[in-house]
Amino acid sequence: MVEIIRNVEASPKTRKMGQVSVNGVSISRADIAREIQNHAATTPIAAWEAAARALVVRELLLAEVARLGLSPEPELDAAGLKETDEEALIRALLEQEVKVPKADHDTCRRYYERNPAAFRTEDLYEVSHILLPAAKDDAAGRAAARETAQAVLRSIQTGEATFEELALKHSACPSRELGGSLGQIGPGQTVPEFETALTGMTPGSVHPEPVETRYGVHIVRVAHRIEGRALPFDAMEESIASRLEDASWHIAVRQYLTLLAGHADIRGIELEGASSPLVQ
């Protein structure tokens, strides 16, 4: 992060940028440089602009706090940490000025029915594999692993040896002691290439081709697939309401910020379309 800040400060583009200000209140380059650590970006200039926008948003909100004469009443956040006075003031402002409707029963039900895939458990697979290890950048090692995998696969297909016997003999995974069994696994528990292979397999079968991943070449068998099931609406209604209200709140906050910006004299940075970590 220090290196990014140095790159930003040394960038000709940022040196050419004008002074950033809000209604005549200047935001210093030093403050922007310190804010950069809170913003992931692909380029130094993008990080600089994101930091500048966040500080502009903060200044807009604090100016409105001052206009309304709000006083800070810090609370504990979700992590049990006490808010700073500035955080408490911004929270109080948004609570007072940004109102969103509650998601009622019918709205939640419609959302549930329109998004069935979001409210079901994931499929689980009972999987075994034989791993022939080879680094992704080791061309010779990969070729050798593929050749061995093809030979092992033929032995399984012809019944020359069992999957369990060949796992014990060839696999580099500790699961070889269990006949290659990985137990039940679901989405996100394996690398994408392995997961993709599982979703297209018929339970009780061995994948017809070796499967390559970053770890090497695998021979994969799926013994069983446990189909995911729909989660009942009654159990999900509260979380759906929270999700919908949270989305509405973010939209309302962005509209409120747009209104504040429209009445402000902002110089040195374009705020349109920007988001702020203060309200995410």
Protein backbone atom coordinates (compact mmCIF):
# COMPACT_ATOMS: atom_id res chain seq x y z
CA MET A 1 0.00 0.00 0.00
CA VAL A 2 2.87 2.40 0.75
CA GLU A 3 4.22 1.69 -2.74
CA ILE A 4 0.85 2.49 -4.29
CA ILE A 5 0.71 5.81 -2.45
CA ARG A 6 4.23 6.65 -3.63
CA ASN A 7 3.27 5.77 -7.21
CA VAL A 8 0.19 7.94 -6.98
CA GLU A 9 2.05 10.92 -5.59
CA ALA A 10 4.71 10.55 -8.29
CA SER A 11 2.21 10.17 -11.13
CA PRO A 12 2.22 13.04 -13.64
CA LYS A 13 -1.56 12.66 -13.95
CA THR A 14 -2.18 13.30 -10.26
CA ARG A 15 0.31 16.15 -10.18
CA LYS A 16 -1.71 17.82 -12.97
CA MET A 17 -5.04 17.39 -11.15
CA GLY A 18 -6.44 20.59 -9.73
CA GLN A 19 -7.22 21.28 -6.10
CA VAL A 20 -10.18 19.24 -4.86
CA SER A 21 -12.71 21.29 -2.91
CA VAL A 22 -16.32 21.26 -1.74
CA ASN A 23 -18.08 24.61 -1.35
CA GLY A 24 -14.70 26.28 -0.96
CA VAL A 25 -13.39 23.76 1.60
CA SER A 26 -10.15 22.29 0.25
CA ILE A 27 -9.30 18.61 0.51
CA SER A 28 -5.53 18.31 0.71
CA ARG A 29 -3.43 15.95 -1.35
CA ALA A 30 -2.04 14.57 1.91
CA ASP A 31 -5.55 13.64 3.09
CA ILE A 32 -6.27 11.97 -0.25
CA ALA A 33 -2.99 10.03 -0.03
CA ARG A 34 -3.91 8.77 3.44
CA GLU A 35 -7.40 7.77 2.27
CA ILE A 36 -6.04 5.65 -0.60
CA GLN A 37 -5.42 2.66 1.68
CA ASN A 38 -9.21 2.21 1.93
CA HIS A 39 -9.71 1.83 -1.81
CA ALA A 40 -8.76 -1.11 -3.99
CA ALA A 41 -8.09 -0.04 -7.57
CA THR A 42 -6.36 -1.34 -10.67
CA THR A 43 -4.24 1.78 -11.23
CA PRO A 44 -2.73 4.49 -9.02
CA ILE A 45 -4.84 7.20 -10.65
CA ALA A 46 -8.03 5.18 -10.08
CA ALA A 47 -7.10 4.78 -6.40
CA TRP A 48 -6.46 8.52 -6.15
CA GLU A 49 -9.80 9.38 -7.72
CA ALA A 50 -11.70 6.90 -5.52
CA ALA A 51 -10.09 8.35 -2.40
CA ALA A 52 -10.83 11.92 -3.50
CA ARG A 53 -14.48 11.05 -4.18
CA ALA A 54 -14.85 9.42 -0.76
CA LEU A 55 -13.51 12.55 0.95
CA VAL A 56 -15.81 14.75 -1.11
CA VAL A 57 -18.78 12.63 -0.02
CA ARG A 58 -17.67 12.87 3.61
CA GLU A 59 -17.39 16.65 3.35
CA LEU A 60 -20.86 16.88 1.77
CA LEU A 61 -22.36 14.85 4.61
CA LEU A 62 -20.54 16.68 7.39
CA ALA A 63 -21.55 20.02 5.91
CA GLU A 64 -25.17 18.89 6.01
CA VAL A 65 -24.67 17.69 9.61
CA ALA A 66 -23.46 21.18 10.54
CA ARG A 67 -26.37 22.86 8.72
CA LEU A 68 -28.89 20.74 10.60
CA GLY A 69 -27.10 21.19 13.94
CA LEU A 70 -26.83 17.52 14.77
CA SER A 71 -24.88 16.35 17.81
CA PRO A 72 -22.86 13.12 17.96
CA GLU A 73 -24.19 10.24 20.05
CA PRO A 74 -21.70 7.41 19.43
CA GLU A 75 -22.94 3.84 19.62
CA LEU A 76 -21.27 0.45 19.49
CA ASP A 77 -20.99 -1.01 16.00
CA ALA A 78 -21.64 -4.64 15.03
CA ALA A 79 -18.10 -5.55 16.11
CA GLY A 80 -18.60 -3.97 19.54
CA LEU A 81 -16.39 -0.96 18.78
CA LYS A 82 -17.51 2.53 19.68
CA GLU A 83 -18.16 4.90 16.79
CA THR A 84 -16.12 8.05 16.36
CA ASP A 85 -18.02 11.32 16.62
CA GLU A 86 -17.80 11.69 12.84
CA GLU A 87 -19.21 8.21 12.23
CA ALA A 88 -22.02 8.88 14.71
CA LEU A 89 -22.90 12.17 13.02
CA ILE A 90 -23.05 10.63 9.54
CA ARG A 91 -25.15 7.73 10.82
CA ALA A 92 -27.55 10.13 12.55
CA LEU A 93 -27.84 12.24 9.41
CA LEU A 94 -28.66 9.28 7.19
CA GLU A 95 -31.13 7.87 9.71
CA GLN A 96 -32.91 11.22 9.82
CA GLU A 97 -32.84 12.11 6.13
CA VAL A 98 -32.99 8.76 4.31
CA LYS A 99 -36.19 6.78 4.73
CA VAL A 100 -36.98 3.49 3.00
CA PRO A 101 -40.17 1.42 3.15
CA LYS A 102 -40.33 -1.88 4.96
CA ALA A 103 -40.53 -4.95 2.72
CA ASP A 104 -43.98 -6.43 3.33
CA HIS A 105 -45.02 -10.07 3.17
CA ASP A 106 -46.27 -9.94 -0.44
CA THR A 107 -43.13 -8.21 -1.70
CA CYS A 108 -40.95 -10.83 -0.03
CA ARG A 109 -43.07 -13.64 -1.45
CA ARG A 110 -42.77 -12.27 -4.99
CA TYR A 111 -39.00 -12.00 -4.63
CA TYR A 112 -38.82 -15.57 -3.32
CA GLU A 113 -40.86 -16.93 -6.24
CA ARG A 114 -38.88 -15.01 -8.86
CA ASN A 115 -35.50 -16.19 -7.54
CA PRO A 116 -35.90 -19.90 -6.75
CA ALA A 117 -32.22 -20.72 -7.28
CA ALA A 118 -31.24 -18.33 -4.48
CA PHE A 119 -33.33 -20.23 -1.95
CA ARG A 120 -32.27 -23.84 -2.20
CA THR A 121 -29.50 -25.88 -0.70
CA GLU A 122 -26.57 -26.77 -2.93
CA ASP A 123 -26.13 -30.18 -4.53
CA LEU A 124 -23.66 -32.41 -2.70
CA TYR A 125 -21.45 -35.01 -4.36
CA GLU A 126 -19.85 -38.10 -2.87
CA VAL A 127 -16.53 -38.05 -4.71
CA SER A 128 -13.35 -40.07 -5.04
CA HIS A 129 -10.27 -39.14 -7.06
CA ILE A 130 -6.80 -40.22 -8.00
CA LEU A 131 -4.34 -37.34 -8.20
CA LEU A 132 -1.29 -37.37 -10.46
CA PRO A 133 0.51 -34.19 -9.33
CA ALA A 134 2.14 -31.76 -11.76
CA ALA A 135 2.74 -28.02 -11.56
CA LYS A 136 0.80 -25.98 -14.10
CA ASP A 137 3.99 -24.48 -15.55
CA ASP A 138 5.80 -27.84 -15.75
CA ALA A 139 5.08 -28.94 -19.33
CA ALA A 140 7.07 -32.16 -19.09
CA GLY A 141 5.54 -33.05 -15.74
CA ARG A 142 2.05 -32.37 -17.05
CA ALA A 143 2.61 -34.55 -20.09
CA ALA A 144 3.85 -37.41 -17.92
CA ALA A 145 0.90 -37.03 -15.55
CA ARG A 146 -1.56 -37.10 -18.45
CA GLU A 147 0.03 -40.26 -19.82
CA THR A 148 -0.11 -42.01 -16.46
CA ALA A 149 -3.69 -40.82 -15.89
CA GLN A 150 -4.80 -42.24 -19.24
CA ALA A 151 -3.21 -45.61 -18.42
CA VAL A 152 -4.82 -45.69 -14.96
CA LEU A 153 -8.18 -44.71 -16.43
CA ARG A 154 -8.00 -47.54 -18.98
CA SER A 155 -7.29 -50.00 -16.18
CA ILE A 156 -10.44 -48.84 -14.38
CA GLN A 157 -12.56 -48.93 -17.54
CA THR A 158 -11.45 -52.44 -18.48
CA GLY A 159 -11.81 -53.78 -14.95
CA GLU A 160 -8.12 -54.66 -14.76
CA ALA A 161 -7.99 -53.10 -11.29
CA THR A 162 -10.40 -51.33 -8.94
CA PHE A 163 -10.49 -47.60 -8.43
CA GLU A 164 -9.50 -48.11 -4.79
CA GLU A 165 -6.47 -50.25 -5.68
CA LEU A 166 -5.24 -47.71 -8.22
CA ALA A 167 -5.82 -44.78 -5.84
CA LEU A 168 -3.64 -46.47 -3.23
CA LYS A 169 -0.96 -47.18 -5.80
CA HIS A 170 -0.87 -43.92 -7.78
CA SER A 171 -2.60 -41.05 -6.00
CA ALA A 172 -0.55 -38.30 -4.36
CA CYS A 173 -3.52 -37.24 -2.21
CA PRO A 174 -3.81 -38.51 1.40
CA SER A 175 -7.27 -39.77 0.40
CA ARG A 176 -5.49 -42.70 -1.29
CA GLU A 177 -5.65 -44.47 2.10
CA LEU A 178 -9.44 -44.27 1.80
CA GLY A 179 -9.62 -45.51 -1.76
CA GLY A 180 -9.46 -41.96 -3.02
CA SER A 181 -12.62 -40.89 -1.16
CA LEU A 182 -13.05 -37.18 -0.50
CA GLY A 183 -16.40 -37.68 1.19
CA GLN A 184 -19.26 -35.30 0.44
CA ILE A 185 -18.29 -32.01 -1.16
CA GLY A 186 -20.31 -29.06 -2.41
CA PRO A 187 -19.81 -25.90 -4.47
CA GLY A 188 -16.84 -23.79 -3.45
CA GLN A 189 -15.03 -26.64 -1.71
CA THR A 190 -12.92 -27.57 -4.74
CA VAL A 191 -11.21 -25.68 -7.54
CA PRO A 192 -13.49 -24.57 -10.41
CA GLU A 193 -12.17 -27.10 -12.96
CA PHE A 194 -12.87 -29.99 -10.60
CA GLU A 195 -16.31 -28.62 -9.72
CA THR A 196 -17.23 -28.22 -13.39
CA ALA A 197 -16.36 -31.87 -14.01
CA LEU A 198 -18.63 -32.99 -11.16
CA THR A 199 -21.73 -31.12 -12.35
CA GLY A 200 -21.80 -32.98 -15.65
CA MET A 201 -21.32 -36.48 -14.25
CA THR A 202 -23.83 -39.27 -13.74
CA PRO A 203 -23.79 -40.75 -10.22
CA GLY A 204 -21.96 -44.07 -10.18
CA SER A 205 -19.63 -43.13 -13.04
CA VAL A 206 -15.98 -42.30 -13.57
CA HIS A 207 -15.26 -39.20 -15.63
CA PRO A 208 -14.40 -40.40 -19.18
CA GLU A 209 -11.34 -38.12 -19.38
CA PRO A 210 -8.68 -37.06 -16.88
CA VAL A 211 -9.53 -33.72 -15.28
CA GLU A 212 -6.78 -31.10 -15.06
CA THR A 213 -6.52 -28.56 -12.25
CA ARG A 214 -3.79 -26.39 -10.79
CA TYR A 215 -2.72 -29.40 -8.69
CA GLY A 216 -2.25 -31.82 -11.52
CA VAL A 217 -4.34 -34.43 -13.35
CA HIS A 218 -7.23 -36.21 -11.63
CA ILE A 219 -9.28 -39.30 -12.32
CA VAL A 220 -12.68 -38.53 -10.82
CA ARG A 221 -15.51 -40.78 -9.69
CA VAL A 222 -18.91 -39.65 -8.41
CA ALA A 223 -20.65 -42.30 -6.30
CA HIS A 224 -23.77 -40.32 -5.36
CA ARG A 225 -25.31 -36.91 -5.83
CA ILE A 226 -27.60 -35.46 -3.16
CA GLU A 227 -29.93 -33.01 -4.86
CA GLY A 228 -30.37 -29.61 -3.28
CA ARG A 229 -33.80 -28.80 -1.89
CA ALA A 230 -35.89 -25.64 -1.83
CA LEU A 231 -35.75 -23.70 1.43
CA PRO A 232 -39.24 -22.85 2.76
CA PHE A 233 -40.41 -19.27 2.36
CA ASP A 234 -41.33 -18.97 6.04
CA ALA A 235 -37.72 -19.67 7.00
CA MET A 236 -36.36 -17.16 4.48
CA GLU A 237 -38.85 -14.28 4.75
CA GLU A 238 -36.89 -12.34 7.37
CA SER A 239 -33.61 -12.53 5.45
CA ILE A 240 -35.39 -11.59 2.20
CA ALA A 241 -36.91 -8.53 3.86
CA SER A 242 -33.50 -7.53 5.19
CA ARG A 243 -31.94 -7.98 1.75
CA LEU A 244 -34.61 -5.91 0.00
CA GLU A 245 -34.53 -3.15 2.59
CA ASP A 246 -30.75 -3.00 2.46
CA ALA A 247 -30.83 -2.66 -1.34
CA SER A 248 -33.48 0.06 -1.11
CA TRP A 249 -31.46 1.90 1.50
CA HIS A 250 -28.34 1.96 -0.69
CA ILE A 251 -30.35 3.30 -3.61
CA ALA A 252 -31.93 5.96 -1.41
CA VAL A 253 -28.55 7.01 0.00
CA ARG A 254 -27.10 7.38 -3.50
CA GLN A 255 -30.07 9.52 -4.48
CA TYR A 256 -29.58 11.64 -1.36
CA LEU A 257 -25.88 12.10 -2.15
CA THR A 258 -26.77 13.07 -5.71
CA LEU A 259 -29.15 15.71 -4.32
CA LEU A 260 -26.48 17.11 -1.99
CA ALA A 261 -23.90 17.15 -4.78
CA GLY A 262 -26.31 18.93 -7.09
CA HIS A 263 -26.51 21.85 -4.66
CA ALA A 264 -22.77 21.95 -3.94
CA ASP A 265 -19.79 23.56 -5.66
CA ILE A 266 -17.46 20.58 -6.18
CA ARG A 267 -14.16 21.20 -7.92
CA GLY A 268 -11.24 19.01 -8.96
CA ILE A 269 -13.10 15.69 -9.19
CA GLU A 270 -16.22 14.30 -10.89
CA LEU A 271 -18.59 12.77 -8.35
CA GLU A 272 -21.23 11.42 -10.75
CA GLY A 273 -21.62 7.64 -10.61
CA ALA A 274 -19.18 7.31 -7.70
CA SER A 275 -19.83 5.27 -4.60
CA SER A 276 -18.52 5.89 -1.12
CA PRO A 277 -17.25 3.44 1.51
CA LEU A 278 -18.99 5.63 4.06
CA VAL A 279 -22.37 4.31 2.96
CA GLN A 280 -21.71 0.85 1.52
